[in-house]
N, C-alpha and C. Protein backbone atom coordinates (compact mmCIF):
# COMPACT_ATOMS: atom_id res chain seq x y z
N MET A 1 32.37 109.24 -122.30
CA MET A 1 31.39 110.30 -122.44
C MET A 1 31.09 110.89 -121.06
N GLU A 2 31.25 112.17 -120.93
CA GLU A 2 31.03 112.88 -119.67
C GLU A 2 29.55 113.22 -119.50
N THR A 3 29.02 112.96 -118.30
CA THR A 3 27.63 113.32 -118.04
C THR A 3 27.58 114.73 -117.46
N LYS A 4 26.51 115.41 -117.77
CA LYS A 4 26.34 116.77 -117.27
C LYS A 4 26.04 116.76 -115.78
N GLN A 5 26.51 117.79 -115.08
CA GLN A 5 26.11 117.99 -113.70
C GLN A 5 24.66 118.45 -113.71
N LYS A 6 23.94 118.09 -112.65
CA LYS A 6 22.50 118.35 -112.60
C LYS A 6 22.16 119.39 -111.55
N LEU A 7 21.13 120.18 -111.87
CA LEU A 7 20.61 121.19 -110.95
C LEU A 7 19.09 121.10 -110.95
N VAL A 8 18.51 121.01 -109.76
CA VAL A 8 17.07 121.07 -109.61
C VAL A 8 16.75 122.41 -108.96
N VAL A 9 15.83 123.16 -109.57
CA VAL A 9 15.38 124.42 -109.01
C VAL A 9 13.92 124.26 -108.62
N VAL A 10 13.65 124.40 -107.33
CA VAL A 10 12.29 124.34 -106.80
C VAL A 10 11.82 125.77 -106.63
N ILE A 11 10.71 126.10 -107.30
CA ILE A 11 10.19 127.47 -107.24
C ILE A 11 8.82 127.44 -106.56
N SER A 12 8.68 128.27 -105.53
CA SER A 12 7.41 128.34 -104.79
C SER A 12 6.77 129.72 -104.87
N ARG A 13 7.43 130.65 -105.52
CA ARG A 13 6.95 132.03 -105.57
C ARG A 13 6.25 132.32 -106.89
N GLY A 14 5.19 133.10 -106.82
CA GLY A 14 4.40 133.40 -107.99
C GLY A 14 4.62 134.79 -108.51
N HIS A 15 3.61 135.31 -109.17
CA HIS A 15 3.67 136.59 -109.87
C HIS A 15 3.93 137.78 -108.95
N ASP A 16 3.63 137.64 -107.69
CA ASP A 16 3.73 138.77 -106.78
C ASP A 16 5.08 138.86 -106.06
N ASP A 17 6.04 138.04 -106.46
CA ASP A 17 7.30 137.99 -105.72
C ASP A 17 8.49 137.98 -106.67
N GLU A 18 9.36 138.94 -106.51
CA GLU A 18 10.54 139.08 -107.37
C GLU A 18 11.47 137.86 -107.29
N ARG A 19 11.41 137.12 -106.19
CA ARG A 19 12.27 135.94 -106.07
C ARG A 19 11.96 134.91 -107.14
N SER A 20 10.76 134.93 -107.67
CA SER A 20 10.45 134.00 -108.76
C SER A 20 11.28 134.32 -109.99
N SER A 21 11.47 135.59 -110.27
CA SER A 21 12.31 135.99 -111.39
C SER A 21 13.75 135.54 -111.17
N VAL A 22 14.22 135.66 -109.93
CA VAL A 22 15.57 135.21 -109.59
C VAL A 22 15.71 133.71 -109.85
N ALA A 23 14.69 132.95 -109.46
CA ALA A 23 14.73 131.49 -109.65
C ALA A 23 14.83 131.13 -111.12
N TRP A 24 13.97 131.75 -111.95
CA TRP A 24 14.02 131.46 -113.40
C TRP A 24 15.35 131.92 -113.98
N SER A 25 15.89 133.04 -113.49
CA SER A 25 17.17 133.55 -113.98
C SER A 25 18.31 132.59 -113.63
N ILE A 26 18.29 132.05 -112.42
CA ILE A 26 19.34 131.11 -112.01
C ILE A 26 19.22 129.81 -112.80
N ALA A 27 18.01 129.36 -113.05
CA ALA A 27 17.82 128.16 -113.88
C ALA A 27 18.41 128.40 -115.26
N ASN A 28 18.14 129.56 -115.84
CA ASN A 28 18.68 129.88 -117.15
C ASN A 28 20.20 129.98 -117.12
N GLY A 29 20.74 130.54 -116.03
CA GLY A 29 22.19 130.60 -115.89
C GLY A 29 22.81 129.21 -115.84
N GLY A 30 22.13 128.29 -115.16
CA GLY A 30 22.60 126.91 -115.12
C GLY A 30 22.64 126.28 -116.50
N ILE A 31 21.58 126.53 -117.27
CA ILE A 31 21.54 126.03 -118.66
C ILE A 31 22.71 126.60 -119.45
N ASN A 32 22.91 127.91 -119.33
CA ASN A 32 23.98 128.58 -120.07
C ASN A 32 25.37 128.10 -119.66
N ASN A 33 25.47 127.53 -118.45
CA ASN A 33 26.75 127.02 -117.96
C ASN A 33 26.86 125.51 -118.10
N GLY A 34 25.98 124.92 -118.89
CA GLY A 34 26.12 123.51 -119.23
C GLY A 34 25.52 122.52 -118.25
N LEU A 35 24.72 122.99 -117.29
CA LEU A 35 24.08 122.08 -116.35
C LEU A 35 22.81 121.49 -116.94
N GLU A 36 22.47 120.30 -116.50
CA GLU A 36 21.19 119.69 -116.84
C GLU A 36 20.20 120.17 -115.77
N VAL A 37 19.32 121.07 -116.15
CA VAL A 37 18.43 121.74 -115.20
C VAL A 37 17.03 121.12 -115.24
N SER A 38 16.47 120.93 -114.06
CA SER A 38 15.08 120.53 -113.90
C SER A 38 14.40 121.55 -113.01
N ILE A 39 13.14 121.82 -113.31
CA ILE A 39 12.35 122.78 -112.54
C ILE A 39 11.19 122.04 -111.89
N PHE A 40 10.96 122.30 -110.61
CA PHE A 40 9.80 121.75 -109.91
C PHE A 40 9.05 122.92 -109.30
N LEU A 41 7.79 123.09 -109.73
CA LEU A 41 6.98 124.23 -109.29
C LEU A 41 5.98 123.80 -108.24
N VAL A 42 5.92 124.55 -107.15
CA VAL A 42 4.98 124.28 -106.07
C VAL A 42 4.27 125.58 -105.70
N SER A 43 3.18 125.44 -104.95
CA SER A 43 2.41 126.58 -104.46
C SER A 43 2.06 127.53 -105.61
N SER A 44 2.16 128.83 -105.37
CA SER A 44 1.74 129.80 -106.39
C SER A 44 2.66 129.85 -107.60
N ALA A 45 3.82 129.21 -107.54
CA ALA A 45 4.73 129.21 -108.70
C ALA A 45 4.14 128.48 -109.89
N ILE A 46 3.20 127.58 -109.65
CA ILE A 46 2.65 126.87 -110.80
C ILE A 46 1.86 127.79 -111.72
N ASP A 47 1.46 128.95 -111.21
CA ASP A 47 0.77 129.91 -112.06
C ASP A 47 1.64 130.38 -113.22
N TRP A 48 2.97 130.30 -113.08
CA TRP A 48 3.86 130.72 -114.16
C TRP A 48 3.67 129.92 -115.43
N VAL A 49 3.29 128.65 -115.28
CA VAL A 49 3.17 127.80 -116.46
C VAL A 49 1.72 127.56 -116.87
N ARG A 50 0.80 128.31 -116.29
CA ARG A 50 -0.58 128.27 -116.78
C ARG A 50 -0.59 129.00 -118.11
N LYS A 51 -1.23 128.44 -119.10
CA LYS A 51 -1.23 129.02 -120.45
C LYS A 51 -1.57 130.51 -120.40
N GLY A 52 -0.71 131.33 -120.99
CA GLY A 52 -0.92 132.76 -121.10
C GLY A 52 -0.53 133.58 -119.89
N ALA A 53 -0.20 132.95 -118.78
CA ALA A 53 0.04 133.69 -117.54
C ALA A 53 1.36 134.47 -117.53
N ALA A 54 2.35 134.01 -118.23
CA ALA A 54 3.67 134.66 -118.17
C ALA A 54 3.93 135.59 -119.35
N GLU A 55 2.91 135.87 -120.12
CA GLU A 55 3.09 136.62 -121.36
C GLU A 55 3.84 137.95 -121.18
N LYS A 56 3.49 138.71 -120.18
CA LYS A 56 4.11 140.02 -120.01
C LYS A 56 4.73 140.22 -118.64
N ALA A 57 4.78 139.17 -117.85
CA ALA A 57 5.28 139.28 -116.48
C ALA A 57 6.78 139.55 -116.47
N ARG A 58 7.15 140.51 -115.64
CA ARG A 58 8.56 140.87 -115.50
C ARG A 58 8.77 141.43 -114.09
N PRO A 59 8.80 140.53 -113.07
CA PRO A 59 8.93 141.01 -111.69
C PRO A 59 10.19 141.83 -111.46
N ASN A 60 11.25 141.54 -112.19
CA ASN A 60 12.50 142.29 -112.08
C ASN A 60 12.83 142.85 -113.46
N PRO A 61 12.75 144.17 -113.63
CA PRO A 61 13.00 144.75 -114.96
C PRO A 61 14.43 144.56 -115.47
N GLU A 62 15.33 144.12 -114.61
CA GLU A 62 16.71 143.86 -115.04
C GLU A 62 16.87 142.48 -115.68
N ASP A 63 15.87 141.61 -115.48
CA ASP A 63 15.89 140.27 -116.06
C ASP A 63 15.09 140.26 -117.35
N PRO A 64 15.32 139.26 -118.20
CA PRO A 64 14.41 139.08 -119.35
C PRO A 64 13.00 138.80 -118.82
N THR A 65 12.02 138.83 -119.70
CA THR A 65 10.67 138.51 -119.26
C THR A 65 10.63 137.06 -118.79
N ILE A 66 9.68 136.76 -117.92
CA ILE A 66 9.53 135.38 -117.46
C ILE A 66 9.20 134.48 -118.64
N LYS A 67 8.39 134.96 -119.56
CA LYS A 67 8.05 134.16 -120.74
C LYS A 67 9.32 133.75 -121.49
N GLU A 68 10.25 134.68 -121.68
CA GLU A 68 11.50 134.37 -122.38
C GLU A 68 12.32 133.34 -121.60
N MET A 69 12.38 133.51 -120.27
CA MET A 69 13.17 132.57 -119.48
C MET A 69 12.54 131.17 -119.47
N ILE A 70 11.21 131.11 -119.40
CA ILE A 70 10.53 129.82 -119.44
C ILE A 70 10.74 129.17 -120.81
N GLN A 71 10.63 129.94 -121.86
CA GLN A 71 10.83 129.39 -123.21
C GLN A 71 12.25 128.86 -123.37
N ASN A 72 13.23 129.54 -122.82
CA ASN A 72 14.61 129.08 -122.88
C ASN A 72 14.77 127.74 -122.17
N VAL A 73 14.07 127.58 -121.04
CA VAL A 73 14.10 126.32 -120.30
C VAL A 73 13.58 125.19 -121.19
N PHE A 74 12.46 125.42 -121.86
CA PHE A 74 11.90 124.40 -122.75
C PHE A 74 12.80 124.16 -123.96
N ASN A 75 13.35 125.24 -124.53
CA ASN A 75 14.24 125.09 -125.68
C ASN A 75 15.46 124.24 -125.35
N ALA A 76 15.90 124.29 -124.09
CA ALA A 76 17.06 123.52 -123.65
C ALA A 76 16.69 122.08 -123.31
N GLY A 77 15.41 121.74 -123.39
CA GLY A 77 14.98 120.37 -123.12
C GLY A 77 14.87 120.03 -121.65
N CYS A 78 14.75 121.03 -120.81
CA CYS A 78 14.66 120.80 -119.36
C CYS A 78 13.31 120.22 -118.97
N ASN A 79 13.31 119.44 -117.91
CA ASN A 79 12.07 118.93 -117.33
C ASN A 79 11.44 120.02 -116.47
N VAL A 80 10.15 120.26 -116.69
CA VAL A 80 9.40 121.19 -115.85
C VAL A 80 8.22 120.42 -115.29
N SER A 81 8.20 120.31 -113.95
CA SER A 81 7.18 119.53 -113.28
C SER A 81 6.40 120.40 -112.29
N VAL A 82 5.16 120.00 -112.05
CA VAL A 82 4.27 120.72 -111.16
C VAL A 82 3.77 119.75 -110.09
N CYS A 83 3.72 120.24 -108.87
CA CYS A 83 3.23 119.49 -107.72
C CYS A 83 1.74 119.15 -107.91
N PRO A 84 1.37 117.85 -107.84
CA PRO A 84 -0.03 117.47 -108.05
C PRO A 84 -1.04 118.14 -107.10
N PRO A 85 -0.82 118.15 -105.77
CA PRO A 85 -1.81 118.80 -104.92
C PRO A 85 -1.92 120.31 -105.17
N CYS A 86 -0.79 120.92 -105.53
CA CYS A 86 -0.80 122.37 -105.82
C CYS A 86 -1.63 122.67 -107.07
N ALA A 87 -1.54 121.80 -108.06
CA ALA A 87 -2.35 121.95 -109.27
C ALA A 87 -3.82 121.70 -108.96
N LYS A 88 -4.07 120.66 -108.20
CA LYS A 88 -5.46 120.28 -107.90
C LYS A 88 -6.19 121.38 -107.14
N VAL A 89 -5.54 121.97 -106.14
CA VAL A 89 -6.19 123.00 -105.35
C VAL A 89 -6.53 124.23 -106.19
N ARG A 90 -5.81 124.42 -107.29
CA ARG A 90 -6.08 125.55 -108.20
C ARG A 90 -6.99 125.16 -109.35
N GLY A 91 -7.36 123.90 -109.40
CA GLY A 91 -8.24 123.43 -110.47
C GLY A 91 -7.55 123.25 -111.80
N TYR A 92 -6.21 123.08 -111.79
CA TYR A 92 -5.44 122.95 -113.02
C TYR A 92 -5.24 121.47 -113.39
N SER A 93 -5.35 121.19 -114.67
CA SER A 93 -4.94 119.91 -115.22
C SER A 93 -3.81 120.21 -116.20
N GLU A 94 -3.19 119.19 -116.76
CA GLU A 94 -2.10 119.43 -117.71
C GLU A 94 -2.57 120.22 -118.92
N GLU A 95 -3.85 120.12 -119.27
CA GLU A 95 -4.39 120.89 -120.40
C GLU A 95 -4.37 122.39 -120.13
N ASP A 96 -4.37 122.80 -118.87
CA ASP A 96 -4.34 124.22 -118.50
C ASP A 96 -2.92 124.79 -118.54
N LEU A 97 -1.94 123.91 -118.63
CA LEU A 97 -0.54 124.31 -118.50
C LEU A 97 0.15 124.36 -119.85
N VAL A 98 1.24 125.09 -119.91
CA VAL A 98 2.05 125.20 -121.12
C VAL A 98 2.46 123.80 -121.56
N ASP A 99 2.46 123.58 -122.86
CA ASP A 99 2.85 122.27 -123.40
C ASP A 99 4.23 121.87 -122.88
N GLY A 100 4.33 120.63 -122.47
CA GLY A 100 5.59 120.11 -121.96
C GLY A 100 5.68 120.04 -120.45
N VAL A 101 4.79 120.74 -119.74
CA VAL A 101 4.78 120.70 -118.28
C VAL A 101 4.05 119.44 -117.84
N LYS A 102 4.63 118.74 -116.89
CA LYS A 102 4.04 117.51 -116.37
C LYS A 102 3.65 117.70 -114.91
N ILE A 103 2.51 117.15 -114.56
CA ILE A 103 2.09 117.13 -113.16
C ILE A 103 2.60 115.81 -112.59
N VAL A 104 3.62 115.90 -111.74
CA VAL A 104 4.23 114.71 -111.15
C VAL A 104 4.62 115.02 -109.71
N GLY A 105 4.68 113.98 -108.91
CA GLY A 105 5.04 114.15 -107.51
C GLY A 105 6.51 114.46 -107.32
N SER A 106 6.87 114.66 -106.07
CA SER A 106 8.24 115.05 -105.74
C SER A 106 9.25 113.95 -106.04
N VAL A 107 8.78 112.75 -106.36
CA VAL A 107 9.71 111.69 -106.75
C VAL A 107 10.56 112.15 -107.94
N ALA A 108 10.03 113.03 -108.76
CA ALA A 108 10.79 113.53 -109.91
C ALA A 108 12.06 114.23 -109.46
N ILE A 109 11.98 115.02 -108.40
CA ILE A 109 13.21 115.69 -107.93
C ILE A 109 14.05 114.75 -107.08
N HIS A 110 13.41 113.83 -106.36
CA HIS A 110 14.18 112.89 -105.56
C HIS A 110 15.09 112.04 -106.44
N GLU A 111 14.59 111.62 -107.59
CA GLU A 111 15.40 110.82 -108.51
C GLU A 111 16.63 111.60 -108.96
N ARG A 112 16.46 112.85 -109.27
CA ARG A 112 17.60 113.67 -109.72
C ARG A 112 18.60 113.89 -108.58
N ILE A 113 18.08 114.08 -107.37
CA ILE A 113 18.97 114.25 -106.22
C ILE A 113 19.78 112.97 -106.00
N LYS A 114 19.14 111.81 -106.14
CA LYS A 114 19.86 110.54 -105.99
C LYS A 114 20.93 110.39 -107.06
N GLU A 115 20.74 111.06 -108.20
CA GLU A 115 21.74 111.04 -109.28
C GLU A 115 22.84 112.07 -109.05
N GLY A 116 22.75 112.81 -107.94
CA GLY A 116 23.79 113.76 -107.59
C GLY A 116 23.46 115.22 -107.88
N ALA A 117 22.22 115.52 -108.21
CA ALA A 117 21.85 116.90 -108.52
C ALA A 117 21.95 117.81 -107.30
N ALA A 118 22.37 119.02 -107.54
CA ALA A 118 22.28 120.08 -106.53
C ALA A 118 20.85 120.59 -106.54
N LEU A 119 20.38 121.10 -105.41
CA LEU A 119 19.02 121.59 -105.31
C LEU A 119 19.02 123.02 -104.79
N LEU A 120 18.33 123.90 -105.50
CA LEU A 120 18.12 125.27 -105.04
C LEU A 120 16.63 125.49 -104.90
N SER A 121 16.23 126.17 -103.85
CA SER A 121 14.80 126.39 -103.60
C SER A 121 14.55 127.88 -103.40
N PHE A 122 13.51 128.37 -104.11
CA PHE A 122 13.13 129.78 -104.02
C PHE A 122 11.68 129.88 -103.66
């Protein structure tokens, strides 16, 4: 049985930066190409997974909406994690975030890197 290649995408950009759309688009491309994708959100990027925040966001009109790209990530069974201090400084708990998002430390990405995952950071 062949194991999937892994990709970790670290996103630090929020609603005000088109690079966040690029990050979600690349994560979706990885899924579409058979990679096991994990997302780790830091800084203002955690706002993407606050309930209701991505409903109409589309930093790049050439990409699908962020809501669609995030939903595709969840539909594919990807891990989506949020930096604990970044959540705390914004007053967020897991109840404030989209179902399935976990607040976990960077050990989550370190474990995947030790398993051979490639890492992209935006």
